[in-house]
Amino acid sequence: MATPTASAQQVDPGRGRNVPAYAQNTNPSSNGNGAAARNQTDPRALQIQQTGGDRVGGNPVGGKQTAEVQQTAGQGAANATATGANPNAAPFAPLNPTELDRLQKLLQAWETQSKGTKTMTCKFQKWHFDLLAAPAGIHATKSTGEIKYATPDKGMFREDQVLFYQGMKDGKPQYGAQQGKVGDYWVCNGREVIEFDGNEKKCTINELPAGMQGQQIFNSPLPFVFNLDAKQIQERYWVREVKAPKEGMFLIEAWPKQQSDRAQYRLVQIALDDQQFLPQALIMYAPNFNAKTAPMWDHYEFADVKRNAIRDGMQQFFKNFIPQRPPSDWEVIREKLAHEPDASQIASPGQPNLK
């Protein structure tokens, strides 16, 4: 099974769902040490050991994590578990000139491929691992859903189906829906961040101040996965390339530099195809992650990733970010953000993320 990762989002064990990062009060965790990147100069010339198994990404993954990404998560778990004496220091040794040159070329190629992104849509599968909710090595929930993104300030994350661990039968984990339990659903239309909480029957509308409208307000890993800024990612994260589990894939690790970010997630791994730099998987480790004592992580796999593939025009695409009114028996809460939230208010792909 895949080994540890958790998302920028924090999980409330009592409710079994994600808590928006801007409502959290968490403590940062220290970073760890890991293996160095490979010594090759041209990203396009990368030759990775073949491990077999299905390719990650492409068509929707058939209900289970592919072998390559399981190995990826295992490698990241070892790195995330190791601890350094100084949490503000780089979590790995400095890259040598060859490694650094290769990384810069890879990031620039990634940026070149992705910076033309105006809109993006994709399907996803997500596995959440939590020792408090399921045995070690068995995911506590599995969800499927859709992500939409339009630069710079519009986004949607919706979990359409969530299955929960319900115990073991004949040595196999059993999963099913839980009455009254639904997945996360939030929308940012550029003026408001709207969270639909189907579990509590609440719709919270956060009105953005004028200074935040029209800006790239999503500072979670999601935007740079689909629309990379090479300079920005290196300012915010310690970045390195690590060994990918198969050919045709680049594997990037990003460790947050800021203490406020480390309070939300410890390590992010991004698996990219080596032709168009489209995301195949994203693995996010909880801030207090430990492979033995606190193995909590989220594992996303993306499918049907489409950049700038709009058939109905930009206006119709933006309309799709404005959902219908919530049911009449829901409570609607309207709030105004009086000022721009600070850097600690960082969320994951699964949560509205305000700068």
Protein backbone atom coordinates (compact mmCIF):
# COMPACT_ATOMS: atom_id res chain seq x y z
CA MET A 1 0.00 0.00 0.00
CA ALA A 2 1.00 3.58 -0.38
CA THR A 3 2.85 5.06 2.51
CA PRO A 4 2.16 8.42 4.03
CA THR A 5 0.95 11.76 2.80
CA ALA A 6 -1.43 14.36 4.07
CA SER A 7 -2.87 17.42 2.64
CA ALA A 8 -2.58 21.05 3.33
CA GLN A 9 -6.01 20.64 4.65
CA GLN A 10 -6.36 19.50 8.23
CA VAL A 11 -8.82 16.77 9.15
CA ASP A 12 -11.22 17.04 12.03
CA PRO A 13 -11.39 13.45 13.36
CA GLY A 14 -14.71 14.11 15.04
CA ARG A 15 -16.45 15.14 11.85
CA GLY A 16 -14.42 13.16 9.38
CA ARG A 17 -14.15 16.05 6.97
CA ASN A 18 -11.74 18.80 6.13
CA VAL A 19 -11.62 22.08 8.00
CA PRO A 20 -10.92 25.24 5.99
CA ALA A 21 -7.36 26.33 6.63
CA TYR A 22 -8.36 29.90 7.38
CA ALA A 23 -10.32 28.59 10.39
CA GLN A 24 -7.49 26.49 11.78
CA ASN A 25 -5.02 27.06 14.58
CA THR A 26 -2.24 24.53 14.17
CA ASN A 27 1.40 24.30 15.14
CA PRO A 28 4.21 23.91 12.63
CA SER A 29 6.24 20.76 12.30
CA SER A 30 9.91 20.32 11.61
CA ASN A 31 11.22 19.21 8.25
CA GLY A 32 13.22 16.10 7.47
CA ASN A 33 16.14 14.84 5.46
CA GLY A 34 16.07 12.74 2.32
CA ALA A 35 18.01 11.46 -0.63
CA ALA A 36 19.62 13.76 -3.17
CA ALA A 37 18.35 14.18 -6.71
CA ARG A 38 19.90 12.46 -9.68
CA ASN A 39 22.98 13.82 -11.44
CA GLN A 40 21.65 14.43 -14.94
CA THR A 41 21.55 17.71 -16.78
CA ASP A 42 18.79 17.55 -19.39
CA PRO A 43 15.29 16.82 -18.03
CA ARG A 44 14.27 15.51 -21.42
CA ALA A 45 17.09 12.97 -21.34
CA LEU A 46 15.98 11.53 -18.03
CA GLN A 47 16.07 7.75 -17.93
CA ILE A 48 14.22 6.22 -15.00
CA GLN A 49 14.26 2.60 -13.94
CA GLN A 50 11.18 0.74 -15.18
CA THR A 51 9.15 -0.74 -12.34
CA GLY A 52 6.11 -2.05 -14.17
CA GLY A 53 2.45 -1.47 -13.38
CA ASP A 54 -0.09 0.92 -14.85
CA ARG A 55 0.80 4.46 -15.78
CA VAL A 56 -0.32 7.09 -13.36
CA GLY A 57 -2.74 9.65 -14.76
CA GLY A 58 -4.23 9.53 -18.25
CA ASN A 59 -7.63 7.89 -18.12
CA PRO A 60 -9.37 7.67 -14.76
CA VAL A 61 -7.57 5.28 -12.46
CA GLY A 62 -9.63 2.19 -11.81
CA GLY A 63 -10.40 2.53 -8.14
CA LYS A 64 -6.96 1.80 -6.75
CA GLN A 65 -3.66 3.57 -6.53
CA THR A 66 -1.17 2.63 -9.20
CA ALA A 67 2.01 0.86 -8.19
CA GLU A 68 4.27 3.74 -9.21
CA VAL A 69 2.53 6.27 -7.02
CA GLN A 70 2.46 3.84 -4.12
CA GLN A 71 6.24 3.69 -4.40
CA THR A 72 6.35 7.46 -4.66
CA ALA A 73 4.39 7.82 -1.43
CA GLY A 74 6.64 5.32 0.30
CA GLN A 75 9.72 7.28 -0.67
CA GLY A 76 8.15 10.53 0.49
CA ALA A 77 7.11 8.97 3.78
CA ALA A 78 10.68 8.10 4.61
CA ASN A 79 11.77 11.64 3.81
CA ALA A 80 8.92 13.21 5.76
CA THR A 81 9.52 11.07 8.85
CA ALA A 82 13.18 12.04 9.18
CA THR A 83 13.56 15.14 11.33
CA GLY A 84 16.12 17.91 11.26
CA ALA A 85 17.49 19.78 14.25
CA ASN A 86 16.44 23.15 12.85
CA PRO A 87 12.97 23.34 11.27
CA ASN A 88 13.94 26.61 9.55
CA ALA A 89 16.89 25.01 7.77
CA ALA A 90 16.70 23.26 4.42
CA PRO A 91 15.45 19.68 4.93
CA PHE A 92 18.09 18.21 2.62
CA ALA A 93 21.71 18.85 1.71
CA PRO A 94 22.40 21.60 -0.86
CA LEU A 95 22.14 20.42 -4.45
CA ASN A 96 25.43 20.15 -6.27
CA PRO A 97 25.91 22.29 -9.42
CA THR A 98 24.81 19.50 -11.75
CA GLU A 99 21.68 18.77 -9.74
CA LEU A 100 20.84 22.46 -9.43
CA ASP A 101 21.28 23.05 -13.16
CA ARG A 102 19.02 20.11 -13.94
CA LEU A 103 16.37 21.34 -11.50
CA GLN A 104 16.39 24.84 -13.01
CA LYS A 105 15.98 23.43 -16.52
CA LEU A 106 13.16 21.19 -15.37
CA LEU A 107 11.31 24.02 -13.59
CA GLN A 108 11.74 26.35 -16.56
CA ALA A 109 10.42 23.69 -18.94
CA TRP A 110 7.47 23.11 -16.58
CA GLU A 111 6.75 26.85 -16.43
CA THR A 112 6.98 27.20 -20.22
CA GLN A 113 4.47 24.39 -20.71
CA SER A 114 2.03 25.62 -18.08
CA LYS A 115 2.18 29.42 -18.01
CA GLY A 116 -0.26 29.67 -20.90
CA THR A 117 -2.96 28.10 -18.75
CA LYS A 118 -6.08 30.25 -18.67
CA THR A 119 -8.49 27.52 -17.64
CA MET A 120 -8.06 23.98 -16.40
CA THR A 121 -10.43 21.16 -15.58
CA CYS A 122 -9.75 17.64 -14.35
CA LYS A 123 -11.24 14.68 -12.55
CA PHE A 124 -9.56 13.34 -9.45
CA GLN A 125 -9.49 10.43 -7.07
CA LYS A 126 -8.37 10.98 -3.51
CA TRP A 127 -7.36 8.53 -0.82
CA HIS A 128 -7.12 9.77 2.76
CA PHE A 129 -5.01 7.81 5.25
CA ASP A 130 -5.54 8.30 8.98
CA LEU A 131 -4.56 5.83 11.70
CA LEU A 132 -7.44 7.10 13.86
CA ALA A 133 -10.01 6.05 11.27
CA ALA A 134 -8.56 2.91 9.64
CA PRO A 135 -5.77 0.37 10.24
CA ALA A 136 -2.24 1.17 9.12
CA GLY A 137 -1.80 1.00 5.36
CA ILE A 138 -5.55 1.10 4.65
CA HIS A 139 -7.17 4.29 3.46
CA ALA A 140 -9.88 5.73 5.69
CA THR A 141 -11.82 7.33 2.86
CA LYS A 142 -11.80 7.37 -0.91
CA SER A 143 -13.43 10.13 -2.90
CA THR A 144 -13.88 11.12 -6.51
CA GLY A 145 -14.64 14.56 -7.85
CA GLU A 146 -13.77 17.45 -10.11
CA ILE A 147 -11.49 20.49 -10.02
CA LYS A 148 -11.85 23.65 -12.11
CA TYR A 149 -9.44 26.54 -12.15
CA ALA A 150 -9.29 29.82 -14.06
CA THR A 151 -6.42 32.20 -13.63
CA PRO A 152 -6.04 34.21 -11.55
CA ASP A 153 -8.82 33.99 -8.98
CA LYS A 154 -11.51 31.45 -9.84
CA GLY A 155 -11.67 27.88 -8.71
CA MET A 156 -13.91 24.99 -7.78
CA PHE A 157 -13.26 21.82 -5.81
CA ARG A 158 -16.06 19.27 -5.49
CA GLU A 159 -16.06 15.77 -4.06
CA ASP A 160 -18.94 13.96 -5.75
CA GLN A 161 -18.67 10.66 -3.92
CA VAL A 162 -17.04 9.71 -0.62
CA LEU A 163 -16.70 6.14 0.64
CA PHE A 164 -15.74 5.44 4.25
CA TYR A 165 -13.86 2.53 5.78
CA GLN A 166 -16.39 0.22 7.46
CA GLY A 167 -14.23 -2.59 8.76
CA MET A 168 -12.72 -5.82 7.48
CA LYS A 169 -14.49 -8.79 5.92
CA ASP A 170 -12.70 -11.93 4.79
CA GLY A 171 -9.43 -10.08 5.18
CA LYS A 172 -10.45 -7.22 2.89
CA PRO A 173 -11.36 -3.64 3.84
CA GLN A 174 -14.97 -2.71 3.25
CA TYR A 175 -16.17 0.74 2.16
CA GLY A 176 -19.50 2.45 1.85
CA ALA A 177 -21.30 5.75 2.00
CA GLN A 178 -22.41 7.15 5.35
CA GLN A 179 -25.81 8.75 5.67
CA GLY A 180 -25.50 12.48 6.13
CA LYS A 181 -21.80 12.51 5.22
CA VAL A 182 -20.86 14.24 2.00
CA GLY A 183 -17.65 15.52 0.49
CA ASP A 184 -16.12 18.97 0.35
CA TYR A 185 -17.47 21.51 -2.09
CA TRP A 186 -16.26 25.07 -2.47
CA VAL A 187 -16.23 27.70 -5.16
CA CYS A 188 -14.40 30.98 -5.66
CA ASN A 189 -16.01 33.19 -8.29
CA GLY A 190 -13.46 35.99 -7.96
CA ARG A 191 -15.61 38.02 -5.58
CA GLU A 192 -16.61 35.43 -3.01
CA VAL A 193 -15.42 32.14 -1.59
CA ILE A 194 -18.48 29.94 -1.11
CA GLU A 195 -18.29 26.78 0.99
CA PHE A 196 -21.12 24.26 0.81
CA ASP A 197 -21.16 22.13 3.97
CA GLY A 198 -23.62 19.35 3.25
CA ASN A 199 -22.91 17.68 6.56
CA GLU A 200 -24.07 20.69 8.57
CA LYS A 201 -26.43 22.07 5.90
CA LYS A 202 -24.61 25.37 5.87
CA CYS A 203 -23.52 27.62 3.04
CA THR A 204 -20.83 30.09 4.06
CA ILE A 205 -20.21 33.00 1.69
CA ASN A 206 -16.99 34.89 2.35
CA GLU A 207 -16.95 38.20 0.48
CA LEU A 208 -13.45 39.10 -0.64
CA PRO A 209 -12.19 42.64 -0.05
CA ALA A 210 -11.52 44.69 -3.17
CA GLY A 211 -7.78 44.30 -2.74
CA MET A 212 -8.02 40.53 -3.10
CA GLN A 213 -10.34 40.42 -6.09
CA GLY A 214 -8.63 39.73 -9.39
CA GLN A 215 -5.53 38.35 -7.69
CA GLN A 216 -4.14 34.85 -7.49
CA ILE A 217 -5.67 34.15 -4.11
CA PHE A 218 -5.02 30.42 -4.14
CA ASN A 219 -1.65 29.91 -2.48
CA SER A 220 -1.99 26.19 -1.89
CA PRO A 221 0.04 23.76 -4.03
CA LEU A 222 -2.83 23.45 -6.50
CA PRO A 223 -2.09 26.52 -8.67
CA PHE A 224 1.60 25.81 -9.15
CA VAL A 225 0.78 22.22 -10.03
CA PHE A 226 -1.26 23.42 -12.99
CA ASN A 227 0.32 26.82 -13.65
CA LEU A 228 3.89 26.95 -12.36
CA ASP A 229 5.91 30.07 -11.60
CA ALA A 230 9.46 28.75 -11.27
CA LYS A 231 10.73 31.76 -9.32
CA GLN A 232 7.77 31.81 -6.94
CA ILE A 233 7.90 28.13 -6.07
CA GLN A 234 11.60 28.39 -5.15
CA GLU A 235 10.96 31.44 -3.00
CA ARG A 236 8.24 29.68 -1.05
CA TYR A 237 9.60 26.12 -0.96
CA TRP A 238 12.80 24.13 -0.80
CA VAL A 239 12.51 22.24 -4.07
CA ARG A 240 14.33 19.25 -5.46
CA GLU A 241 13.83 16.48 -7.96
CA VAL A 242 13.86 12.96 -6.56
CA LYS A 243 13.98 9.61 -8.28
CA ALA A 244 10.74 8.81 -10.06
CA PRO A 245 9.44 5.23 -9.95
CA LYS A 246 9.10 4.82 -13.72
CA GLU A 247 9.99 6.23 -17.12
CA GLY A 248 7.99 9.10 -18.51
CA MET A 249 7.58 10.79 -15.15
CA PHE A 250 9.25 13.59 -13.21
CA LEU A 251 8.91 13.63 -9.43
CA ILE A 252 9.28 16.92 -7.56
CA GLU A 253 9.38 17.46 -3.79
CA ALA A 254 8.47 20.83 -2.28
CA TRP A 255 9.10 21.56 1.41
CA PRO A 256 7.52 24.80 2.73
CA LYS A 257 9.99 27.39 3.98
CA GLN A 258 7.56 29.49 5.98
CA GLN A 259 6.57 28.40 9.46
CA SER A 260 2.96 29.30 8.78
CA ASP A 261 2.92 26.99 5.77
CA ARG A 262 4.54 24.16 7.71
CA ALA A 263 1.62 24.38 10.11
CA GLN A 264 -0.58 23.24 7.24
CA TYR A 265 1.52 20.59 5.49
CA ARG A 266 4.98 19.15 5.83
CA LEU A 267 5.88 17.98 2.36
CA VAL A 268 4.29 17.91 -1.09
CA GLN A 269 5.21 15.53 -3.88
CA ILE A 270 4.12 16.21 -7.45
CA ALA A 271 4.32 13.58 -10.20
CA LEU A 272 4.36 15.05 -13.73
CA ASP A 273 4.41 13.48 -17.14
CA ASP A 274 7.64 14.36 -18.93
CA GLN A 275 6.06 15.66 -22.15
CA GLN A 276 3.40 18.25 -21.27
CA PHE A 277 4.16 18.52 -17.54
CA LEU A 278 0.55 17.69 -16.71
CA PRO A 279 0.02 16.53 -13.12
CA GLN A 280 -0.47 12.84 -12.61
CA ALA A 281 -0.52 12.74 -8.82
CA LEU A 282 -0.18 14.96 -5.77
CA ILE A 283 0.73 13.58 -2.34
CA MET A 284 0.54 15.79 0.72
CA TYR A 285 1.83 14.91 4.19
CA ALA A 286 0.32 16.21 7.44
CA PRO A 287 2.43 18.70 9.41
CA ASN A 288 2.98 16.20 12.23
CA PHE A 289 3.48 13.24 9.92
CA ASN A 290 5.38 10.24 11.21
CA ALA A 291 5.32 6.92 9.39
CA LYS A 292 4.94 4.97 12.64
CA THR A 293 3.06 7.17 15.07
CA ALA A 294 1.08 9.62 12.93
CA PRO A 295 0.78 8.34 9.36
CA MET A 296 -1.74 10.86 7.98
CA TRP A 297 -1.64 11.92 4.36
CA ASP A 298 -3.78 12.57 1.29
CA HIS A 299 -3.09 11.08 -2.11
CA TYR A 300 -4.61 12.60 -5.25
CA GLU A 301 -4.52 11.17 -8.76
CA PHE A 302 -5.66 13.34 -11.66
CA ALA A 303 -7.33 12.25 -14.88
CA ASP A 304 -8.75 13.94 -17.97
CA VAL A 305 -6.63 17.02 -17.31
CA LYS A 306 -7.55 19.67 -19.87
CA ARG A 307 -5.91 23.06 -20.33
CA ASN A 308 -7.75 25.81 -22.18
CA ALA A 309 -10.25 23.30 -23.56
CA ILE A 310 -13.39 25.43 -23.45
CA ARG A 311 -16.20 24.60 -25.84
CA ASP A 312 -18.83 26.96 -24.47
CA GLY A 313 -16.63 30.05 -24.28
CA MET A 314 -15.08 31.88 -21.36
CA GLN A 315 -18.34 33.42 -20.18
CA GLN A 316 -20.03 30.05 -19.83
CA PHE A 317 -16.96 28.61 -18.12
CA PHE A 318 -17.03 31.36 -15.50
CA LYS A 319 -20.78 30.86 -15.02
CA ASN A 320 -20.05 27.31 -14.01
CA PHE A 321 -18.24 28.64 -10.95
CA ILE A 322 -21.51 30.04 -9.62
CA PRO A 323 -23.60 27.12 -8.34
CA GLN A 324 -27.32 27.09 -7.73
CA ARG A 325 -28.69 28.27 -4.43
CA PRO A 326 -28.40 25.80 -1.56
CA PRO A 327 -31.57 23.92 -0.53
CA SER A 328 -34.17 25.99 1.29
CA ASP A 329 -33.54 24.26 4.63
CA TRP A 330 -29.83 25.22 4.65
CA GLU A 331 -28.44 28.02 6.77
CA VAL A 332 -26.73 30.73 4.72
CA ILE A 333 -23.94 32.62 6.49
CA ARG A 334 -22.48 35.76 4.95
CA GLU A 335 -19.13 37.03 6.11
CA LYS A 336 -16.79 39.77 4.98
CA LEU A 337 -13.06 39.43 5.14
CA ALA A 338 -12.07 42.79 6.58
CA HIS A 339 -8.45 42.39 5.49
CA GLU A 340 -6.21 40.04 3.62
CA PRO A 341 -5.59 36.87 5.67
CA ASP A 342 -2.00 36.20 6.61
CA ALA A 343 0.24 33.50 5.21
CA SER A 344 -0.90 30.93 7.77
CA GLN A 345 -4.25 30.71 6.01
CA ILE A 346 -3.08 28.26 3.39
CA ALA A 347 -5.25 25.42 2.24
CA SER A 348 -5.00 22.33 0.14
CA PRO A 349 -6.61 21.34 -3.14
CA GLY A 350 -9.62 20.38 -1.07
CA GLN A 351 -10.21 23.68 0.65
CA PRO A 352 -10.85 27.29 -0.21
CA ASN A 353 -7.47 28.90 0.17
CA LEU A 354 -7.18 32.58 0.87
CA LYS A 355 -3.82 34.32 0.82
